[in-house]
Amino acid sequence: MQPDTIERINELARLCKTRELTPDELAERDRLRKEYIAAYRAHVEQQLAQTMVREPDGTLRPLRKKGEPQA
């Protein structure tokens, strides 16, 4: 996520507190928020994909998604 994109999200949030946003601004805000959430989610998924779990016997295994069968 680019810093200027985050700055624009913040700018629209400040504008929303002082006046009503135009339909174009509302659409832009919604699009930017979705992009931000998608980037955040991808980052968290990448972090979790690299996470290892230490079993009681001392072995390490990769963290798996909920409902995914054990290997």
Protein backbone atom coordinates (compact mmCIF):
# COMPACT_ATOMS: atom_id res chain seq x y z
CA MET A 1 0.00 0.00 0.00
CA GLN A 2 1.42 3.33 -1.06
CA PRO A 3 1.72 6.11 1.56
CA ASP A 4 -0.15 8.54 -0.70
CA THR A 5 -3.10 6.12 -0.81
CA ILE A 6 -3.26 5.99 2.98
CA GLU A 7 -2.97 9.78 3.11
CA ARG A 8 -5.92 10.07 0.70
CA ILE A 9 -8.01 7.72 2.88
CA ASN A 10 -7.20 9.91 5.89
CA GLU A 11 -7.98 13.08 3.94
CA LEU A 12 -11.40 11.73 2.98
CA ALA A 13 -12.03 10.73 6.60
CA ARG A 14 -11.23 14.28 7.75
CA LEU A 15 -13.48 15.74 5.06
CA CYS A 16 -16.32 13.43 6.12
CA LYS A 17 -16.16 14.92 9.62
CA THR A 18 -16.52 18.50 8.36
CA ARG A 19 -18.95 18.09 5.45
CA GLU A 20 -20.91 15.51 3.53
CA LEU A 21 -18.86 13.74 0.86
CA THR A 22 -19.88 13.90 -2.79
CA PRO A 23 -20.94 10.65 -4.51
CA ASP A 24 -17.57 10.54 -6.31
CA GLU A 25 -15.70 10.97 -3.01
CA LEU A 26 -17.82 8.26 -1.38
CA ALA A 27 -17.05 5.86 -4.23
CA GLU A 28 -13.34 6.70 -4.03
CA ARG A 29 -13.34 6.21 -0.25
CA ASP A 30 -15.02 2.81 -0.55
CA ARG A 31 -12.61 1.70 -3.30
CA LEU A 32 -9.56 2.83 -1.29
CA ARG A 33 -10.82 1.15 1.86
CA LYS A 34 -11.31 -2.14 0.00
CA GLU A 35 -7.78 -1.89 -1.43
CA TYR A 36 -6.39 -1.19 2.05
CA ILE A 37 -8.22 -4.13 3.61
CA ALA A 38 -7.11 -6.47 0.80
CA ALA A 39 -3.47 -5.40 1.24
CA TYR A 40 -3.71 -5.78 5.02
CA ARG A 41 -5.28 -9.24 4.70
CA ALA A 42 -2.60 -10.36 2.23
CA HIS A 43 0.12 -9.19 4.60
CA VAL A 44 -1.39 -11.08 7.55
CA GLU A 45 -1.84 -14.24 5.46
CA GLN A 46 1.80 -14.01 4.37
CA GLN A 47 2.91 -13.70 7.99
CA LEU A 48 0.78 -16.66 9.06
CA ALA A 49 2.09 -18.78 6.17
CA GLN A 50 5.58 -18.39 7.65
CA THR A 51 4.50 -19.20 11.22
CA MET A 52 5.61 -22.50 12.70
CA VAL A 53 3.96 -24.40 15.59
CA ARG A 54 6.08 -26.35 18.06
CA GLU A 55 4.39 -29.62 18.94
CA PRO A 56 4.63 -31.12 22.46
CA ASP A 57 7.25 -33.58 21.19
CA GLY A 58 9.43 -30.65 20.02
CA THR A 59 8.86 -30.95 16.28
CA LEU A 60 7.96 -27.91 14.22
CA ARG A 61 5.15 -27.85 11.70
CA PRO A 62 3.72 -25.05 9.58
CA LEU A 63 0.57 -23.37 10.78
CA ARG A 64 -2.42 -24.58 8.78
CA LYS A 65 -5.71 -22.94 7.92
CA LYS A 66 -8.79 -23.88 9.91
CA GLY A 67 -10.42 -26.95 8.43
CA GLU A 68 -7.32 -27.91 6.46
CA PRO A 69 -6.40 -31.60 6.94
CA GLN A 70 -3.27 -32.44 8.89
CA ALA A 71 -0.33 -33.57 6.83
